[in-house]
Amino acid sequence: MPRPSVRRSSVRLSELGELGLLAELERQGLAERIADDAAQLGDGLVVTQDSLVEGVHFRFDRLSWRELGFRAAAVNISDLAASGARPETLLVSLGLPGETELDDVLSLYAGIAEAGVPVRGGDTTEAASVFVTVTAIGQADRVPGRSGALPGDKLVVTGPLGAAGAAFRARRYARPPVRVEEGIELARDAHAMLDLSDGLARDAGHIAARSACRLLIELDLVPLAPGATHEDLGFGEDYELLAATLDPGEFTVIGRCEPGSGVEIRLEGRPVALSGWEHFRLRETR
């Protein structure tokens, strides 16, 4: 089979953005179905992977090694939760400067252990700064994906939003929630679902684009974390789940799906704009 041709280009990632990069990889046949929260590999097997890089995703003057470990595990488990999957195993790859103290590494792994999923492999390498890459493996009976939302669906969230943005303003990080049970419950009937990692408007836009429908969100209905404002909803890293479903159950309804395209955010009946996060475009460290 001939290898896909690679088109040389002078376009920079700062111009293209993370989403543009993913789209280009798929367009050129170099990757497939990489825009979802996790990969479905058959027989209910679901796999996801995220990296946390010092100076991009975290700073040690704002969190401890143990907090970093829990965070690295939790953000990956969140992708499994968004796929309705129960996590079973973690693989941890770790890059560290040679002068790193053993106690710090042990604290990081203790933080990972707090997430309650066993570590069963990975890799360790020397690096100029710290990075943690976690691969999370789980099992799901049904994965909603992002492309099935339908007009008439209600939009629901699994918890309050804005905690991460409020914490960042206070020069700290919020502890990510773990919504595995909620994800499994929603996955039974939800038409689309994802976790809120890049901001409410931007992540809602993923469902709208993939499902070819319009999402209307009423900020008056969005539950805010203590100390959070509506502006904090654009920061991302809340790791609550957003789902489109006909049956909201006990989850908080914040909007609906309609015929059309795009996302409209309203506050007190008036359209408002919310920012969002995209790698390569924004330079401020989270």
C-alpha atoms as a PDB file:
ATOM      1  CA  MET A   1       0.000   0.000   0.000  1.00  0.00           C
ATOM      2  CA  PRO A   2       1.559   3.379  -0.952  1.00  0.00           C
ATOM      3  CA  ARG A   3       2.383   5.737   1.868  1.00  0.00           C
ATOM      4  CA  PRO A   4       0.274   8.915   2.057  1.00  0.00           C
ATOM      5  CA  SER A   5       2.018  11.889   0.507  1.00  0.00           C
ATOM      6  CA  VAL A   6       2.969  14.722   2.854  1.00  0.00           C
ATOM      7  CA  ARG A   7       2.398  18.228   1.521  1.00  0.00           C
ATOM      8  CA  ARG A   8       5.132  20.649   2.500  1.00  0.00           C
ATOM      9  CA  SER A   9       3.780  23.888   3.854  1.00  0.00           C
ATOM     10  CA  SER A  10       5.027  27.083   5.460  1.00  0.00           C
ATOM     11  CA  VAL A  11       1.944  27.341   7.702  1.00  0.00           C
ATOM     12  CA  ARG A  12       2.901  27.600  11.371  1.00  0.00           C
ATOM     13  CA  LEU A  13       1.040  25.854  14.177  1.00  0.00           C
ATOM     14  CA  SER A  14       0.417  29.239  15.796  1.00  0.00           C
ATOM     15  CA  GLU A  15      -1.667  30.095  12.714  1.00  0.00           C
ATOM     16  CA  LEU A  16      -3.293  26.681  12.342  1.00  0.00           C
ATOM     17  CA  GLY A  17      -4.087  25.910  15.988  1.00  0.00           C
ATOM     18  CA  GLU A  18      -4.544  22.491  17.563  1.00  0.00           C
ATOM     19  CA  LEU A  19      -7.888  21.837  15.889  1.00  0.00           C
ATOM     20  CA  GLY A  20      -6.569  22.849  12.508  1.00  0.00           C
ATOM     21  CA  LEU A  21      -3.627  20.477  12.957  1.00  0.00           C
ATOM     22  CA  LEU A  22      -5.935  17.560  13.750  1.00  0.00           C
ATOM     23  CA  ALA A  23      -8.108  18.340  10.744  1.00  0.00           C
ATOM     24  CA  GLU A  24      -5.063  18.501   8.476  1.00  0.00           C
ATOM     25  CA  LEU A  25      -3.758  15.146   9.709  1.00  0.00           C
ATOM     26  CA  GLU A  26      -7.104  13.538   8.906  1.00  0.00           C
ATOM     27  CA  ARG A  27      -7.376  15.335   5.562  1.00  0.00           C
ATOM     28  CA  GLN A  28      -4.031  13.947   4.468  1.00  0.00           C
ATOM     29  CA  GLY A  29      -4.839  10.424   5.600  1.00  0.00           C
ATOM     30  CA  LEU A  30      -2.162  10.451   8.318  1.00  0.00           C
ATOM     31  CA  ALA A  31      -4.646   9.828  11.152  1.00  0.00           C
ATOM     32  CA  GLU A  32      -8.306   8.907  11.487  1.00  0.00           C
ATOM     33  CA  ARG A  33     -11.086   9.652  13.972  1.00  0.00           C
ATOM     34  CA  ILE A  34      -8.733  11.573  16.268  1.00  0.00           C
ATOM     35  CA  ALA A  35     -11.120  14.374  17.263  1.00  0.00           C
ATOM     36  CA  ASP A  36     -13.061  12.330  19.851  1.00  0.00           C
ATOM     37  CA  ASP A  37     -12.256  12.131  23.549  1.00  0.00           C
ATOM     38  CA  ALA A  38     -10.934   8.579  23.210  1.00  0.00           C
ATOM     39  CA  ALA A  39     -10.349   5.821  20.659  1.00  0.00           C
ATOM     40  CA  GLN A  40     -12.766   2.893  20.405  1.00  0.00           C
ATOM     41  CA  LEU A  41     -10.824  -0.253  19.566  1.00  0.00           C
ATOM     42  CA  GLY A  42     -13.599  -2.864  19.493  1.00  0.00           C
ATOM     43  CA  ASP A  43     -15.188  -5.184  22.067  1.00  0.00           C
ATOM     44  CA  GLY A  44     -15.870  -2.193  24.307  1.00  0.00           C
ATOM     45  CA  LEU A  45     -12.178  -1.284  24.667  1.00  0.00           C
ATOM     46  CA  VAL A  46     -11.609   2.482  24.974  1.00  0.00           C
ATOM     47  CA  VAL A  47      -8.171   4.137  25.115  1.00  0.00           C
ATOM     48  CA  THR A  48      -7.139   7.759  25.634  1.00  0.00           C
ATOM     49  CA  GLN A  49      -3.914   9.663  26.233  1.00  0.00           C
ATOM     50  CA  ASP A  50      -3.014  13.146  27.485  1.00  0.00           C
ATOM     51  CA  SER A  51       0.234  14.874  28.332  1.00  0.00           C
ATOM     52  CA  LEU A  52       0.886  17.534  30.958  1.00  0.00           C
ATOM     53  CA  VAL A  53       3.973  19.662  30.246  1.00  0.00           C
ATOM     54  CA  GLU A  54       5.697  21.929  32.748  1.00  0.00           C
ATOM     55  CA  GLY A  55       5.415  25.554  31.681  1.00  0.00           C
ATOM     56  CA  VAL A  56       2.399  24.837  29.473  1.00  0.00           C
ATOM     57  CA  HIS A  57      -0.138  22.928  31.611  1.00  0.00           C
ATOM     58  CA  PHE A  58       1.258  23.482  35.110  1.00  0.00           C
ATOM     59  CA  ARG A  59       3.762  25.304  37.283  1.00  0.00           C
ATOM     60  CA  PHE A  60       5.232  23.939  40.500  1.00  0.00           C
ATOM     61  CA  ASP A  61       4.719  27.241  42.303  1.00  0.00           C
ATOM     62  CA  ARG A  62       0.979  26.543  42.021  1.00  0.00           C
ATOM     63  CA  LEU A  63       0.713  22.819  42.712  1.00  0.00           C
ATOM     64  CA  SER A  64       2.610  20.005  44.410  1.00  0.00           C
ATOM     65  CA  TRP A  65       4.021  16.834  42.874  1.00  0.00           C
ATOM     66  CA  ARG A  66       1.194  14.842  44.427  1.00  0.00           C
ATOM     67  CA  GLU A  67      -1.417  17.217  43.006  1.00  0.00           C
ATOM     68  CA  LEU A  68       0.248  16.910  39.597  1.00  0.00           C
ATOM     69  CA  GLY A  69       0.001  13.125  39.783  1.00  0.00           C
ATOM     70  CA  PHE A  70      -3.713  13.154  40.580  1.00  0.00           C
ATOM     71  CA  ARG A  71      -4.307  15.736  37.869  1.00  0.00           C
ATOM     72  CA  ALA A  72      -2.484  13.670  35.235  1.00  0.00           C
ATOM     73  CA  ALA A  73      -4.617  10.639  36.068  1.00  0.00           C
ATOM     74  CA  ALA A  74      -7.895  12.552  36.426  1.00  0.00           C
ATOM     75  CA  VAL A  75      -7.790  14.365  33.072  1.00  0.00           C
ATOM     76  CA  ASN A  76      -7.363  11.033  31.286  1.00  0.00           C
ATOM     77  CA  ILE A  77     -10.045   9.318  33.332  1.00  0.00           C
ATOM     78  CA  SER A  78     -12.284  12.254  32.380  1.00  0.00           C
ATOM     79  CA  ASP A  79     -11.920  11.338  28.698  1.00  0.00           C
ATOM     80  CA  LEU A  80     -12.942   7.777  29.524  1.00  0.00           C
ATOM     81  CA  ALA A  81     -15.914   9.091  31.514  1.00  0.00           C
ATOM     82  CA  ALA A  82     -16.964  11.148  28.483  1.00  0.00           C
ATOM     83  CA  SER A  83     -16.932   7.877  26.541  1.00  0.00           C
ATOM     84  CA  GLY A  84     -19.063   6.079  29.127  1.00  0.00           C
ATOM     85  CA  ALA A  85     -16.082   3.867  29.981  1.00  0.00           C
ATOM     86  CA  ARG A  86     -14.961   2.474  33.318  1.00  0.00           C
ATOM     87  CA  PRO A  87     -11.174   2.882  33.699  1.00  0.00           C
ATOM     88  CA  GLU A  88      -9.164  -0.294  34.265  1.00  0.00           C
ATOM     89  CA  THR A  89      -5.481   0.511  33.705  1.00  0.00           C
ATOM     90  CA  LEU A  90      -3.078   3.450  33.431  1.00  0.00           C
ATOM     91  CA  LEU A  91       0.262   3.581  31.623  1.00  0.00           C
ATOM     92  CA  VAL A  92       2.525   6.431  32.765  1.00  0.00           C
ATOM     93  CA  SER A  93       5.393   7.943  30.779  1.00  0.00           C
ATOM     94  CA  LEU A  94       7.464  10.434  32.708  1.00  0.00           C
ATOM     95  CA  GLY A  95      10.119  12.926  31.619  1.00  0.00           C
ATOM     96  CA  LEU A  96      12.319  14.339  34.386  1.00  0.00           C
ATOM     97  CA  PRO A  97      15.500  16.371  34.854  1.00  0.00           C
ATOM     98  CA  GLY A  98      18.291  14.289  36.402  1.00  0.00           C
ATOM     99  CA  GLU A  99      18.351  16.420  39.564  1.00  0.00           C
ATOM    100  CA  THR A 100      14.739  15.524  40.430  1.00  0.00           C
ATOM    101  CA  GLU A 101      14.460  14.075  43.938  1.00  0.00           C
ATOM    102  CA  LEU A 102      13.139  10.549  44.416  1.00  0.00           C
ATOM    103  CA  ASP A 103      10.645  11.709  47.042  1.00  0.00           C
ATOM    104  CA  ASP A 104       9.076  14.035  44.484  1.00  0.00           C
ATOM    105  CA  VAL A 105       8.587  11.190  42.004  1.00  0.00           C
ATOM    106  CA  LEU A 106       7.102   8.985  44.718  1.00  0.00           C
ATOM    107  CA  SER A 107       4.702  11.817  45.622  1.00  0.00           C
ATOM    108  CA  LEU A 108       3.642  12.106  42.001  1.00  0.00           C
ATOM    109  CA  TYR A 109       2.831   8.398  41.815  1.00  0.00           C
ATOM    110  CA  ALA A 110       0.978   8.631  45.132  1.00  0.00           C
ATOM    111  CA  GLY A 111      -1.178  11.322  43.547  1.00  0.00           C
ATOM    112  CA  ILE A 112      -1.847   9.084  40.557  1.00  0.00           C
ATOM    113  CA  ALA A 113      -2.838   6.289  42.967  1.00  0.00           C
ATOM    114  CA  GLU A 114      -5.462   8.597  44.535  1.00  0.00           C
ATOM    115  CA  ALA A 115      -7.470   8.263  41.312  1.00  0.00           C
ATOM    116  CA  GLY A 116      -8.025   4.587  42.149  1.00  0.00           C
ATOM    117  CA  VAL A 117      -6.829   3.078  38.848  1.00  0.00           C
ATOM    118  CA  PRO A 118      -3.724   0.843  38.859  1.00  0.00           C
ATOM    119  CA  VAL A 119      -0.555   1.778  36.973  1.00  0.00           C
ATOM    120  CA  ARG A 120       0.671  -1.196  34.947  1.00  0.00           C
ATOM    121  CA  GLY A 121       3.375   0.168  32.700  1.00  0.00           C
ATOM    122  CA  GLY A 122       4.863   3.170  30.974  1.00  0.00           C
ATOM    123  CA  ASP A 123       8.266   4.712  30.388  1.00  0.00           C
ATOM    124  CA  THR A 124      10.744   7.054  32.071  1.00  0.00           C
ATOM    125  CA  THR A 125      13.213   9.351  30.346  1.00  0.00           C
ATOM    126  CA  GLU A 126      15.477  12.259  31.132  1.00  0.00           C
ATOM    127  CA  ALA A 127      14.111  15.614  30.004  1.00  0.00           C
ATOM    128  CA  ALA A 128      14.930  19.298  30.389  1.00  0.00           C
ATOM    129  CA  SER A 129      11.627  19.899  32.189  1.00  0.00           C
ATOM    130  CA  VAL A 130       8.909  17.716  33.671  1.00  0.00           C
ATOM    131  CA  PHE A 131       6.226  16.120  31.549  1.00  0.00           C
ATOM    132  CA  VAL A 132       3.719  13.401  32.413  1.00  0.00           C
ATOM    133  CA  THR A 133       1.928  11.386  29.735  1.00  0.00           C
ATOM    134  CA  VAL A 134      -0.823   9.032  30.864  1.00  0.00           C
ATOM    135  CA  THR A 135      -2.583   6.448  28.735  1.00  0.00           C
ATOM    136  CA  ALA A 136      -5.895   5.335  30.260  1.00  0.00           C
ATOM    137  CA  ILE A 137      -7.615   2.129  29.191  1.00  0.00           C
ATOM    138  CA  GLY A 138     -11.220   1.269  29.993  1.00  0.00           C
ATOM    139  CA  GLN A 139     -14.323  -0.655  28.964  1.00  0.00           C
ATOM    140  CA  ALA A 140     -17.643   0.774  27.771  1.00  0.00           C
ATOM    141  CA  ASP A 141     -20.989  -0.745  26.872  1.00  0.00           C
ATOM    142  CA  ARG A 142     -21.881   2.248  24.687  1.00  0.00           C
ATOM    143  CA  VAL A 143     -19.829   5.280  23.567  1.00  0.00           C
ATOM    144  CA  PRO A 144     -21.998   8.289  22.609  1.00  0.00           C
ATOM    145  CA  GLY A 145     -19.257  10.171  20.738  1.00  0.00           C
ATOM    146  CA  ARG A 146     -19.726  13.755  19.597  1.00  0.00           C
ATOM    147  CA  SER A 147     -21.695  13.384  16.376  1.00  0.00           C
ATOM    148  CA  GLY A 148     -25.160  12.167  17.409  1.00  0.00           C
ATOM    149  CA  ALA A 149     -26.834  15.221  18.959  1.00  0.00           C
ATOM    150  CA  LEU A 150     -30.312  15.894  17.552  1.00  0.00           C
ATOM    151  CA  PRO A 151     -32.740  18.824  17.563  1.00  0.00           C
ATOM    152  CA  GLY A 152     -34.915  18.452  20.637  1.00  0.00           C
ATOM    153  CA  ASP A 153     -32.100  17.139  22.821  1.00  0.00           C
ATOM    154  CA  LYS A 154     -31.489  18.833  26.152  1.00  0.00           C
ATOM    155  CA  LEU A 155     -27.946  19.912  27.052  1.00  0.00           C
ATOM    156  CA  VAL A 156     -26.906  18.841  30.543  1.00  0.00           C
ATOM    157  CA  VAL A 157     -23.808  19.170  32.716  1.00  0.00           C
ATOM    158  CA  THR A 158     -22.707  16.933  35.565  1.00  0.00           C
ATOM    159  CA  GLY A 159     -21.601  19.655  37.984  1.00  0.00           C
ATOM    160  CA  PRO A 160     -20.720  23.312  38.554  1.00  0.00           C
ATOM    161  CA  LEU A 161     -18.418  25.084  36.103  1.00  0.00           C
ATOM    162  CA  GLY A 162     -15.806  27.795  36.374  1.00  0.00           C
ATOM    163  CA  ALA A 163     -13.779  26.356  39.266  1.00  0.00           C
ATOM    164  CA  ALA A 164     -10.576  26.116  37.227  1.00  0.00           C
ATOM    165  CA  GLY A 165     -10.804  29.692  35.976  1.00  0.00           C
ATOM    166  CA  ALA A 166     -11.540  31.046  39.433  1.00  0.00           C
ATOM    167  CA  ALA A 167      -8.623  29.072  40.884  1.00  0.00           C
ATOM    168  CA  PHE A 168      -6.267  30.313  38.189  1.00  0.00           C
ATOM    169  CA  ARG A 169      -7.162  33.909  39.002  1.00  0.00           C
ATOM    170  CA  ALA A 170      -6.176  33.083  42.596  1.00  0.00           C
ATOM    171  CA  ARG A 171      -2.836  31.669  41.318  1.00  0.00           C
ATOM    172  CA  ARG A 172      -3.644  28.047  42.037  1.00  0.00           C
ATOM    173  CA  TYR A 173      -5.227  25.038  40.324  1.00  0.00           C
ATOM    174  CA  ALA A 174      -8.584  23.408  40.982  1.00  0.00           C
ATOM    175  CA  ARG A 175      -8.657  19.674  41.651  1.00  0.00           C
ATOM    176  CA  PRO A 176     -10.320  17.982  38.636  1.00  0.00           C
ATOM    177  CA  PRO A 177     -13.520  16.058  39.379  1.00  0.00           C
ATOM    178  CA  VAL A 178     -13.854  12.396  38.423  1.00  0.00           C
ATOM    179  CA  ARG A 179     -17.254  11.735  36.786  1.00  0.00           C
ATOM    180  CA  VAL A 180     -16.981   8.056  35.830  1.00  0.00           C
ATOM    181  CA  GLU A 181     -20.318   6.962  37.282  1.00  0.00           C
ATOM    182  CA  GLU A 182     -22.112   9.965  35.811  1.00  0.00           C
ATOM    183  CA  GLY A 183     -20.545   9.250  32.415  1.00  0.00           C
ATOM    184  CA  ILE A 184     -21.659   5.637  32.468  1.00  0.00           C
ATOM    185  CA  GLU A 185     -25.187   6.687  33.425  1.00  0.00           C
ATOM    186  CA  LEU A 186     -25.426   9.328  30.689  1.00  0.00           C
ATOM    187  CA  ALA A 187     -23.870   7.072  28.058  1.00  0.00           C
ATOM    188  CA  ARG A 188     -26.828   4.702  28.225  1.00  0.00           C
ATOM    189  CA  ASP A 189     -29.039   7.203  26.367  1.00  0.00           C
ATOM    190  CA  ALA A 190     -27.054  10.338  25.462  1.00  0.00           C
ATOM    191  CA  HIS A 191     -26.766  11.146  21.769  1.00  0.00           C
ATOM    192  CA  ALA A 192     -23.461  13.030  22.246  1.00  0.00           C
ATOM    193  CA  MET A 193     -21.104  13.679  25.147  1.00  0.00           C
ATOM    194  CA  LEU A 194     -17.681  15.147  25.920  1.00  0.00           C
ATOM    195  CA  ASP A 195     -15.756  16.521  28.870  1.00  0.00           C
ATOM    196  CA  LEU A 196     -15.311  20.265  29.292  1.00  0.00           C
ATOM    197  CA  SER A 197     -11.573  20.797  29.008  1.00  0.00           C
ATOM    198  CA  ASP A 198     -11.241  23.768  26.629  1.00  0.00           C
ATOM    199  CA  GLY A 199     -14.113  26.000  27.744  1.00  0.00           C
ATOM    200  CA  LEU A 200     -17.895  25.660  27.572  1.00  0.00           C
ATOM    201  CA  ALA A 201     -18.392  27.471  24.242  1.00  0.00           C
ATOM    202  CA  ARG A 202     -15.460  25.843  22.455  1.00  0.00           C
ATOM    203  CA  ASP A 203     -16.350  22.321  23.598  1.00  0.00           C
ATOM    204  CA  ALA A 204     -20.029  22.830  22.784  1.00  0.00           C
ATOM    205  CA  GLY A 205     -18.830  23.859  19.342  1.00  0.00           C
ATOM    206  CA  HIS A 206     -17.286  20.412  18.863  1.00  0.00           C
ATOM    207  CA  ILE A 207     -20.690  18.772  19.354  1.00  0.00           C
ATOM    208  CA  ALA A 208     -22.409  21.332  17.112  1.00  0.00           C
ATOM    209  CA  ALA A 209     -19.909  20.839  14.298  1.00  0.00           C
ATOM    210  CA  ARG A 210     -19.784  17.054  14.469  1.00  0.00           C
ATOM    211  CA  SER A 211     -23.560  16.671  14.900  1.00  0.00           C
ATOM    212  CA  ALA A 212     -24.525  19.324  12.328  1.00  0.00           C
ATOM    213  CA  CYS A 213     -26.934  21.030  14.706  1.00  0.00           C
ATOM    214  CA  ARG A 214     -27.172  24.302  16.644  1.00  0.00           C
ATOM    215  CA  LEU A 215     -26.547  24.414  20.375  1.00  0.00           C
ATOM    216  CA  LEU A 216     -28.251  27.099  22.463  1.00  0.00           C
ATOM    217  CA  ILE A 217     -26.837  27.588  25.982  1.00  0.00           C
ATOM    218  CA  GLU A 218     -28.474  29.756  28.647  1.00  0.00           C
ATOM    219  CA  LEU A 219     -25.799  31.027  31.042  1.00  0.00           C
ATOM    220  CA  ASP A 220     -28.506  31.809  33.592  1.00  0.00           C
ATOM    221  CA  LEU A 221     -28.983  28.032  33.942  1.00  0.00           C
ATOM    222  CA  VAL A 222     -25.283  27.109  34.211  1.00  0.00           C
ATOM    223  CA  PRO A 223     -24.290  26.204  37.790  1.00  0.00           C
ATOM    224  CA  LEU A 224     -21.206  28.157  38.871  1.00  0.00           C
ATOM    225  CA  ALA A 225     -18.522  26.864  41.223  1.00  0.00           C
ATOM    226  CA  PRO A 226     -17.883  28.923  44.392  1.00  0.00           C
ATOM    227  CA  GLY A 227     -16.091  32.140  43.497  1.00  0.00           C
ATOM    228  CA  ALA A 228     -16.551  31.634  39.739  1.00  0.00           C
ATOM    229  CA  THR A 229     -17.970  34.139  37.276  1.00  0.00           C
ATOM    230  CA  HIS A 230     -19.384  33.615  33.804  1.00  0.00           C
ATOM    231  CA  GLU A 231     -16.064  34.780  32.343  1.00  0.00           C
ATOM    232  CA  ASP A 232     -14.382  31.796  34.031  1.00  0.00           C
ATOM    233  CA  LEU A 233     -16.404  29.450  31.811  1.00  0.00           C
ATOM    234  CA  GLY A 234     -14.052  30.272  28.953  1.00  0.00           C
ATOM    235  CA  PHE A 235     -10.951  29.104  30.789  1.00  0.00           C
ATOM    236  CA  GLY A 236     -11.640  25.384  30.462  1.00  0.00           C
ATOM    237  CA  GLU A 237     -10.258  22.557  32.611  1.00  0.00           C
ATOM    238  CA  ASP A 238     -13.541  22.040  34.450  1.00  0.00           C
ATOM    239  CA  TYR A 239     -13.680  18.352  33.421  1.00  0.00           C
ATOM    240  CA  GLU A 240     -17.404  18.116  34.013  1.00  0.00           C
ATOM    241  CA  LEU A 241     -19.357  16.316  31.302  1.00  0.00           C
ATOM    242  CA  LEU A 242     -21.584  18.017  28.724  1.00  0.00           C
ATOM    243  CA  ALA A 243     -24.176  15.741  27.122  1.00  0.00           C
ATOM    244  CA  ALA A 244     -27.001  16.025  24.597  1.00  0.00           C
ATOM    245  CA  THR A 245     -29.874  13.775  25.637  1.00  0.00           C
ATOM    246  CA  LEU A 246     -33.644  13.493  25.481  1.00  0.00           C
ATOM    247  CA  ASP A 247     -33.794  12.393  29.120  1.00  0.00           C
ATOM    248  CA  PRO A 248     -31.814  14.728  31.421  1.00  0.00           C
ATOM    249  CA  GLY A 249     -32.712  12.744  34.523  1.00  0.00           C
ATOM    250  CA  GLU A 250     -31.338  14.526  37.601  1.00  0.00           C
ATOM    251  CA  PHE A 251     -28.602  16.361  35.690  1.00  0.00           C
ATOM    252  CA  THR A 252     -28.704  20.140  35.282  1.00  0.00           C
ATOM    253  CA  VAL A 253     -30.190  21.344  31.981  1.00  0.00           C
ATOM    254  CA  ILE A 254     -28.327  24.373  30.559  1.00  0.00           C
ATOM    255  CA  GLY A 255     -29.682  24.506  27.011  1.00  0.00           C
ATOM    256  CA  ARG A 256     -30.899  22.585  24.016  1.00  0.00           C
ATOM    257  CA  CYS A 257     -30.118  21.430  20.486  1.00  0.00           C
ATOM    258  CA  GLU A 258     -31.925  23.005  17.539  1.00  0.00           C
ATOM    259  CA  PRO A 259     -31.833  22.769  13.738  1.00  0.00           C
ATOM    260  CA  GLY A 260     -29.009  24.846  12.306  1.00  0.00           C
ATOM    261  CA  SER A 261     -25.326  25.191  13.077  1.00  0.00           C
ATOM    262  CA  GLY A 262     -22.944  26.728  15.577  1.00  0.00           C
ATOM    263  CA  VAL A 263     -23.319  27.683  19.232  1.00  0.00           C
ATOM    264  CA  GLU A 264     -25.252  30.581  20.731  1.00  0.00           C
ATOM    265  CA  ILE A 265     -24.594  31.626  24.328  1.00  0.00           C
ATOM    266  CA  ARG A 266     -27.228  33.782  26.019  1.00  0.00           C
ATOM    267  CA  LEU A 267     -27.275  35.639  29.297  1.00  0.00           C
ATOM    268  CA  GLU A 268     -30.579  37.144  30.414  1.00  0.00           C
ATOM    269  CA  GLY A 269     -31.850  36.570  26.882  1.00  0.00           C
ATOM    270  CA  ARG A 270     -29.020  38.445  25.140  1.00  0.00           C
ATOM    271  CA  PRO A 271     -26.222  36.835  23.096  1.00  0.00           C
ATOM    272  CA  VAL A 272     -22.791  36.940  24.727  1.00  0.00           C
ATOM    273  CA  ALA A 273     -19.362  35.653  23.744  1.00  0.00           C
ATOM    274  CA  LEU A 274     -17.156  33.266  25.707  1.00  0.00           C
ATOM    275  CA  SER A 275     -13.497  32.622  25.020  1.00  0.00           C
ATOM    276  CA  GLY A 276     -11.844  29.197  25.001  1.00  0.00           C
ATOM    277  CA  TRP A 277      -8.481  27.453  25.006  1.00  0.00           C
ATOM    278  CA  GLU A 278      -6.625  26.088  21.987  1.00  0.00           C
ATOM    279  CA  HIS A 279      -3.011  24.934  22.013  1.00  0.00           C
ATOM    280  CA  PHE A 280      -0.480  26.759  19.812  1.00  0.00           C
ATOM    281  CA  ARG A 281      -2.690  29.854  19.645  1.00  0.00           C
ATOM    282  CA  LEU A 282      -2.547  31.031  23.268  1.00  0.00           C
ATOM    283  CA  ARG A 283       0.699  31.600  25.130  1.00  0.00           C
ATOM    284  CA  GLU A 284      -0.319  32.064  28.772  1.00  0.00           C
ATOM    285  CA  THR A 285       0.605  29.079  30.923  1.00  0.00           C
ATOM    286  CA  ARG A 286      -2.353  27.438  32.571  1.00  0.00           C
END
